[in-house]
Amino acid sequence: MIASIRVRTAVAEDAELLAPRLRSADRDEILAVLGKVDSVAWLRQGIALSAPCFSVTDQAGLLLALFGANPGEHGDGKVWLLGAPELLRHRFAIGRVSKQWVGILHAHYRILWNYVDERNEAHLRWLKWCGFEFTDRIEEFGIEGRPFYRFEKRLA
């Protein structure tokens, strides 16, 4: 725990708590890639497939975000984070611990990577802060064919 947040291992029930409260930028990103999906089922699958997967809560226990990494075919980890609007109220606390938690994910995977919607400004700033590099800009990505960036971070 640091200041106003706590991080714990995610449980399947966290999907029901976060799905109806996802940030609009996160919902837009999911729609752009996959189209309309059952958010609860999709988050449950993300929790189940990730190794590891964590929940971020405030001190009162309100779920602010889920994050983790899905194992890839080559020992890499497809890192992800989805949050509620209240997450931004805790951005300074998140910023203080983000690099530590990226390091914990790196303990499992030498390469962390994924794609991010270029409209998701909060995630773009956070990824830069954490030391991720944007390796490619894909002009037409996902169901909606929107511009996305591929990002990654490699252990030295």
Protein backbone atom coordinates (compact mmCIF):
# COMPACT_ATOMS: atom_id res chain seq x y z
CA MET A 1 0.00 0.00 0.00
CA ILE A 2 1.11 3.56 -0.64
CA ALA A 3 -0.79 6.66 0.43
CA SER A 4 -4.30 6.27 -0.91
CA ILE A 5 -4.17 2.93 -2.75
CA ARG A 6 -3.74 -0.77 -2.10
CA VAL A 7 -2.76 -3.53 -4.52
CA ARG A 8 -3.89 -7.11 -4.02
CA THR A 9 -4.27 -10.27 -6.09
CA ALA A 10 -7.32 -10.01 -8.33
CA VAL A 11 -10.27 -12.36 -7.90
CA ALA A 12 -12.95 -13.24 -10.46
CA GLU A 13 -15.59 -11.22 -8.59
CA ASP A 14 -13.59 -8.05 -9.29
CA ALA A 15 -14.89 -8.25 -12.88
CA GLU A 16 -18.45 -7.56 -11.71
CA LEU A 17 -17.27 -4.60 -9.65
CA LEU A 18 -15.24 -2.92 -12.38
CA ALA A 19 -17.17 -3.70 -15.59
CA PRO A 20 -20.07 -1.25 -15.08
CA ARG A 21 -17.66 1.48 -13.94
CA LEU A 22 -14.97 1.34 -16.64
CA ARG A 23 -13.51 4.69 -17.72
CA SER A 24 -15.08 5.85 -20.97
CA ALA A 25 -11.63 5.85 -22.63
CA ASP A 26 -11.18 2.18 -21.67
CA ARG A 27 -14.67 1.28 -22.94
CA ASP A 28 -13.95 3.13 -26.20
CA GLU A 29 -10.67 1.25 -26.60
CA ILE A 30 -12.36 -2.13 -26.07
CA LEU A 31 -15.10 -1.23 -28.56
CA ALA A 32 -12.51 -0.10 -31.11
CA VAL A 33 -10.66 -3.43 -30.91
CA LEU A 34 -13.37 -6.01 -30.27
CA GLY A 35 -16.71 -4.36 -30.87
CA LYS A 36 -19.48 -4.84 -28.33
CA VAL A 37 -18.52 -7.46 -25.73
CA ASP A 38 -19.85 -8.65 -22.39
CA SER A 39 -17.55 -6.58 -20.17
CA VAL A 40 -17.96 -8.84 -17.13
CA ALA A 41 -17.12 -12.00 -19.09
CA TRP A 42 -14.24 -10.26 -20.83
CA LEU A 43 -12.75 -9.02 -17.55
CA ARG A 44 -13.23 -12.45 -15.92
CA GLN A 45 -11.30 -13.97 -18.82
CA GLY A 46 -8.56 -11.35 -18.43
CA ILE A 47 -8.23 -12.17 -14.74
CA ALA A 48 -8.19 -15.92 -15.43
CA LEU A 49 -5.62 -15.74 -18.23
CA SER A 50 -3.26 -13.29 -16.56
CA ALA A 51 -0.31 -14.47 -14.58
CA PRO A 52 -0.17 -12.46 -12.41
CA CYS A 53 -3.26 -10.24 -12.14
CA PHE A 54 -3.83 -7.51 -9.55
CA SER A 55 -6.58 -5.25 -8.28
CA VAL A 56 -6.02 -1.66 -7.20
CA THR A 57 -8.37 -0.31 -4.53
CA ASP A 58 -8.61 2.84 -2.50
CA GLN A 59 -8.28 2.61 1.27
CA ALA A 60 -12.04 2.12 1.63
CA GLY A 61 -11.91 -0.89 -0.70
CA LEU A 62 -13.40 0.73 -3.82
CA LEU A 63 -12.01 -1.09 -6.87
CA LEU A 64 -10.08 1.42 -8.99
CA ALA A 65 -8.40 -0.82 -11.59
CA LEU A 66 -7.35 -4.27 -12.69
CA PHE A 67 -3.98 -4.97 -14.30
CA GLY A 68 -1.87 -7.92 -15.25
CA ALA A 69 -0.08 -9.70 -18.06
CA ASN A 70 -1.22 -12.60 -20.22
CA PRO A 71 1.53 -15.09 -21.09
CA GLY A 72 2.56 -15.05 -24.75
CA GLU A 73 3.88 -17.84 -26.92
CA HIS A 74 7.50 -16.72 -26.62
CA GLY A 75 7.78 -15.99 -22.91
CA ASP A 76 6.53 -12.44 -23.34
CA GLY A 77 3.67 -10.85 -21.39
CA LYS A 78 0.77 -8.94 -22.92
CA VAL A 79 0.34 -6.29 -20.25
CA TRP A 80 -2.96 -4.53 -19.62
CA LEU A 81 -4.69 -2.13 -17.24
CA LEU A 82 -8.35 -1.10 -17.13
CA GLY A 83 -9.71 1.34 -14.62
CA ALA A 84 -12.66 3.20 -13.18
CA PRO A 85 -12.96 7.00 -13.40
CA GLU A 86 -11.93 7.29 -9.73
CA LEU A 87 -8.49 5.93 -10.66
CA LEU A 88 -7.46 9.36 -11.93
CA ARG A 89 -8.08 10.86 -8.48
CA HIS A 90 -5.20 8.69 -7.27
CA ARG A 91 -2.84 9.37 -10.19
CA PHE A 92 0.01 10.60 -7.99
CA ALA A 93 -0.10 7.50 -5.78
CA ILE A 94 -0.37 5.32 -8.90
CA GLY A 95 2.60 7.14 -10.41
CA ARG A 96 4.74 6.50 -7.33
CA VAL A 97 4.21 2.72 -7.46
CA SER A 98 3.78 2.05 -11.19
CA LYS A 99 7.43 1.40 -11.99
CA GLN A 100 7.64 -1.00 -9.03
CA TRP A 101 4.62 -2.97 -10.30
CA VAL A 102 5.96 -3.02 -13.86
CA GLY A 103 9.11 -4.50 -12.32
CA ILE A 104 7.02 -7.19 -10.64
CA LEU A 105 5.47 -8.06 -14.01
CA HIS A 106 8.99 -8.11 -15.49
CA ALA A 107 9.92 -10.75 -12.93
CA HIS A 108 7.56 -13.01 -14.92
CA TYR A 109 8.25 -11.73 -18.45
CA ARG A 110 11.36 -10.32 -20.12
CA ILE A 111 9.22 -8.41 -22.64
CA LEU A 112 5.96 -6.62 -21.76
CA TRP A 113 3.89 -5.35 -24.68
CA ASN A 114 0.43 -4.55 -26.05
CA TYR A 115 -1.46 -2.00 -28.13
CA VAL A 116 -3.05 1.27 -26.99
CA ASP A 117 -5.66 3.46 -28.65
CA GLU A 118 -4.08 6.78 -29.61
CA ARG A 119 -7.17 8.51 -28.12
CA ASN A 120 -6.42 7.09 -24.64
CA GLU A 121 -4.31 10.01 -23.43
CA ALA A 122 -4.13 8.90 -19.79
CA HIS A 123 -2.72 5.52 -20.78
CA LEU A 124 -0.25 7.07 -23.24
CA ARG A 125 1.14 9.34 -20.50
CA TRP A 126 1.25 6.48 -17.98
CA LEU A 127 3.04 4.16 -20.41
CA LYS A 128 5.67 6.81 -21.14
CA TRP A 129 6.12 7.42 -17.39
CA CYS A 130 6.68 3.68 -16.84
CA GLY A 131 9.38 3.53 -19.51
CA PHE A 132 7.48 1.80 -22.30
CA GLU A 133 8.50 2.58 -25.87
CA PHE A 134 6.07 3.07 -28.71
CA THR A 135 7.42 0.87 -31.48
CA ASP A 136 4.77 1.16 -34.21
CA ARG A 137 1.72 3.20 -35.13
CA ILE A 138 -0.95 1.04 -36.76
CA GLU A 139 -3.27 3.20 -38.86
CA GLU A 140 -6.22 0.77 -38.86
CA PHE A 141 -6.39 -1.52 -35.86
CA GLY A 142 -9.28 -3.58 -34.54
CA ILE A 143 -12.94 -3.77 -35.57
CA GLU A 144 -13.26 0.01 -35.94
CA GLY A 145 -9.96 0.43 -37.82
CA ARG A 146 -8.68 3.19 -35.53
CA PRO A 147 -5.05 4.28 -35.04
CA PHE A 148 -3.29 2.39 -32.24
CA TYR A 149 0.29 2.26 -31.02
CA ARG A 150 2.20 -0.90 -30.24
CA PHE A 151 4.24 -0.45 -27.07
CA GLU A 152 6.78 -2.58 -25.26
CA LYS A 153 9.30 -2.62 -22.48
CA ARG A 154 12.23 -5.03 -22.44
CA LEU A 155 14.47 -6.01 -19.57
CA ALA A 156 18.05 -4.97 -20.24
